[in-house]
C-alpha atoms as a PDB file:
ATOM      1  CA  UNK A   1     -35.702  15.295 -26.563  1.00  0.00           C
ATOM      2  CA  UNK A   2     -34.366  11.484 -27.536  1.00  0.00           C
ATOM      3  CA  UNK A   3     -35.338   9.282 -25.013  1.00  0.00           C
ATOM      4  CA  UNK A   4     -33.057   6.600 -25.662  1.00  0.00           C
ATOM      5  CA  UNK A   5     -31.351   3.662 -23.262  1.00  0.00           C
ATOM      6  CA  UNK A   6     -27.820   5.075 -23.495  1.00  0.00           C
ATOM      7  CA  UNK A   7     -25.135   2.856 -23.229  1.00  0.00           C
ATOM      8  CA  UNK A   8     -27.561   0.251 -22.082  1.00  0.00           C
ATOM      9  CA  UNK A   9     -28.605  -1.074 -25.476  1.00  0.00           C
ATOM     10  CA  UNK A  10     -24.557  -1.530 -26.209  1.00  0.00           C
ATOM     11  CA  UNK A  11     -24.187  -3.751 -23.558  1.00  0.00           C
ATOM     12  CA  UNK A  12     -25.215  -6.401 -25.013  1.00  0.00           C
ATOM     13  CA  UNK A  13     -23.110  -6.207 -27.911  1.00  0.00           C
ATOM     14  CA  UNK A  14     -19.809  -6.344 -25.963  1.00  0.00           C
ATOM     15  CA  UNK A  15     -17.825  -9.702 -25.921  1.00  0.00           C
ATOM     16  CA  UNK A  16     -17.087 -11.144 -22.578  1.00  0.00           C
ATOM     17  CA  UNK A  17     -13.506 -11.255 -23.685  1.00  0.00           C
ATOM     18  CA  UNK A  18     -13.530  -7.358 -24.414  1.00  0.00           C
ATOM     19  CA  UNK A  19     -15.031  -6.547 -20.821  1.00  0.00           C
ATOM     20  CA  UNK A  20     -12.391  -8.613 -19.129  1.00  0.00           C
ATOM     21  CA  UNK A  21      -9.558  -6.864 -21.379  1.00  0.00           C
ATOM     22  CA  UNK A  22     -11.205  -3.380 -20.574  1.00  0.00           C
ATOM     23  CA  UNK A  23     -11.276  -4.175 -16.654  1.00  0.00           C
ATOM     24  CA  UNK A  24      -7.702  -5.458 -16.756  1.00  0.00           C
ATOM     25  CA  UNK A  25      -6.671  -1.765 -18.731  1.00  0.00           C
ATOM     26  CA  UNK A  26      -8.246   0.220 -16.185  1.00  0.00           C
ATOM     27  CA  UNK A  27      -6.868  -1.857 -13.465  1.00  0.00           C
ATOM     28  CA  UNK A  28      -3.003  -0.943 -14.539  1.00  0.00           C
ATOM     29  CA  UNK A  29      -4.216   2.779 -14.589  1.00  0.00           C
ATOM     30  CA  UNK A  30      -3.848   2.487 -10.553  1.00  0.00           C
ATOM     31  CA  UNK A  31      -0.878   1.114 -10.304  1.00  0.00           C
ATOM     32  CA  UNK A  32       2.123   3.149  -9.183  1.00  0.00           C
ATOM     33  CA  UNK A  33       5.714   3.147  -9.764  1.00  0.00           C
ATOM     34  CA  UNK A  34       8.132   1.639  -6.770  1.00  0.00           C
ATOM     35  CA  UNK A  35       9.536   5.053  -5.354  1.00  0.00           C
ATOM     36  CA  UNK A  36      13.322   5.576  -5.423  1.00  0.00           C
ATOM     37  CA  UNK A  37      14.470   5.644  -2.028  1.00  0.00           C
ATOM     38  CA  UNK A  38      17.952   7.594  -1.357  1.00  0.00           C
ATOM     39  CA  UNK A  39      20.297   7.293   1.501  1.00  0.00           C
ATOM     40  CA  UNK A  40      18.650  10.111   2.882  1.00  0.00           C
ATOM     41  CA  UNK A  41      15.480   8.372   2.786  1.00  0.00           C
ATOM     42  CA  UNK A  42      16.637   5.027   4.280  1.00  0.00           C
ATOM     43  CA  UNK A  43      18.047   6.572   7.236  1.00  0.00           C
ATOM     44  CA  UNK A  44      15.059   8.710   7.947  1.00  0.00           C
ATOM     45  CA  UNK A  45      12.659   5.557   7.762  1.00  0.00           C
ATOM     46  CA  UNK A  46      15.451   3.716   9.837  1.00  0.00           C
ATOM     47  CA  UNK A  47      15.323   6.733  12.616  1.00  0.00           C
ATOM     48  CA  UNK A  48      11.719   6.933  12.699  1.00  0.00           C
ATOM     49  CA  UNK A  49      11.393   3.203  13.337  1.00  0.00           C
ATOM     50  CA  UNK A  50      13.732   3.423  16.331  1.00  0.00           C
ATOM     51  CA  UNK A  51      11.564   6.092  17.768  1.00  0.00           C
ATOM     52  CA  UNK A  52       8.494   4.411  17.355  1.00  0.00           C
ATOM     53  CA  UNK A  53       9.835   1.329  18.467  1.00  0.00           C
ATOM     54  CA  UNK A  54      11.482   2.546  21.819  1.00  0.00           C
ATOM     55  CA  UNK A  55       8.514   5.264  22.707  1.00  0.00           C
ATOM     56  CA  UNK A  56       5.717   2.688  21.530  1.00  0.00           C
ATOM     57  CA  UNK A  57       3.898   5.295  19.817  1.00  0.00           C
ATOM     58  CA  UNK A  58       1.063   5.072  17.242  1.00  0.00           C
ATOM     59  CA  UNK A  59       2.885   5.056  13.881  1.00  0.00           C
ATOM     60  CA  UNK A  60       1.745   5.263  10.000  1.00  0.00           C
ATOM     61  CA  UNK A  61       3.785   2.956   7.839  1.00  0.00           C
ATOM     62  CA  UNK A  62       3.233   2.883   4.209  1.00  0.00           C
ATOM     63  CA  UNK A  63       4.443  -0.084   1.681  1.00  0.00           C
ATOM     64  CA  UNK A  64       4.546  -0.835  -1.440  1.00  0.00           C
ATOM     65  CA  UNK A  65       3.651  -4.049  -2.811  1.00  0.00           C
ATOM     66  CA  UNK A  66       2.404  -5.364  -6.128  1.00  0.00           C
ATOM     67  CA  UNK A  67       2.316  -1.577  -7.768  1.00  0.00           C
ATOM     68  CA  UNK A  68       0.075  -0.189  -4.681  1.00  0.00           C
ATOM     69  CA  UNK A  69       0.905   1.943  -1.938  1.00  0.00           C
ATOM     70  CA  UNK A  70      -0.479   0.300   1.311  1.00  0.00           C
ATOM     71  CA  UNK A  71      -0.817   2.124   4.800  1.00  0.00           C
ATOM     72  CA  UNK A  72      -1.068   0.895   7.786  1.00  0.00           C
ATOM     73  CA  UNK A  73      -1.227   2.291  11.561  1.00  0.00           C
ATOM     74  CA  UNK A  74      -0.480   0.772  14.838  1.00  0.00           C
ATOM     75  CA  UNK A  75       2.326   0.314  17.191  1.00  0.00           C
ATOM     76  CA  UNK A  76       5.517  -1.250  16.521  1.00  0.00           C
ATOM     77  CA  UNK A  77       6.173  -4.285  18.601  1.00  0.00           C
ATOM     78  CA  UNK A  78       9.522  -5.427  17.324  1.00  0.00           C
ATOM     79  CA  UNK A  79      12.172  -5.537  14.392  1.00  0.00           C
ATOM     80  CA  UNK A  80      12.959  -9.310  13.175  1.00  0.00           C
ATOM     81  CA  UNK A  81      16.356  -8.613  11.694  1.00  0.00           C
ATOM     82  CA  UNK A  82      17.061 -12.045  10.639  1.00  0.00           C
ATOM     83  CA  UNK A  83      13.432 -11.985   8.711  1.00  0.00           C
ATOM     84  CA  UNK A  84      14.268  -8.718   8.029  1.00  0.00           C
ATOM     85  CA  UNK A  85      10.284  -7.560   9.048  1.00  0.00           C
ATOM     86  CA  UNK A  86       8.770  -5.070  11.336  1.00  0.00           C
ATOM     87  CA  UNK A  87       5.952  -6.541  13.533  1.00  0.00           C
ATOM     88  CA  UNK A  88       3.098  -3.895  13.639  1.00  0.00           C
ATOM     89  CA  UNK A  89       0.305  -4.101  16.358  1.00  0.00           C
ATOM     90  CA  UNK A  90      -3.075  -2.484  14.700  1.00  0.00           C
ATOM     91  CA  UNK A  91      -6.147  -2.887  16.519  1.00  0.00           C
ATOM     92  CA  UNK A  92      -7.023  -6.623  14.940  1.00  0.00           C
ATOM     93  CA  UNK A  93      -3.722  -8.376  14.645  1.00  0.00           C
ATOM     94  CA  UNK A  94      -0.019  -8.168  14.259  1.00  0.00           C
ATOM     95  CA  UNK A  95       0.984  -7.248  10.714  1.00  0.00           C
ATOM     96  CA  UNK A  96       4.511  -8.490   9.557  1.00  0.00           C
ATOM     97  CA  UNK A  97       5.761  -6.054   7.194  1.00  0.00           C
ATOM     98  CA  UNK A  98       8.810  -6.881   5.200  1.00  0.00           C
ATOM     99  CA  UNK A  99      11.576  -3.760   5.487  1.00  0.00           C
ATOM    100  CA  UNK A 100      11.997  -3.963   1.688  1.00  0.00           C
ATOM    101  CA  UNK A 101       8.557  -2.952   1.262  1.00  0.00           C
ATOM    102  CA  UNK A 102       8.536  -0.135   3.709  1.00  0.00           C
ATOM    103  CA  UNK A 103       8.553   3.253   1.687  1.00  0.00           C
ATOM    104  CA  UNK A 104       7.754   6.035   4.490  1.00  0.00           C
ATOM    105  CA  UNK A 105       7.212   5.712   8.564  1.00  0.00           C
ATOM    106  CA  UNK A 106       5.808   8.605  10.108  1.00  0.00           C
ATOM    107  CA  UNK A 107       5.061   8.789  14.043  1.00  0.00           C
ATOM    108  CA  UNK A 108       1.484   9.787  14.609  1.00  0.00           C
ATOM    109  CA  UNK A 109       1.661  10.592  18.499  1.00  0.00           C
END
């Protein structure tokens, strides 16, 4: 059996520019394309937001920002129509989620 150091011996030969390009290239693989929402999807999101606001129930909201889907969970405190955002109270703070970034809403309760 050959007992060498595997890839460790090649790390010294890699240029820092090469490593940064490899990391950037790997980071691009994690990006998600923005979901296409139909009129039905938008109507369902609006109805779920209304129900969650009236009931003050625990809600799971998913947003799309810069190629990533970010989940938020909390209670919807209000909807600001002038700023077009939803105020979501999570255990630590109030999050302001822009309506244009929301891709799905589900009441947990």
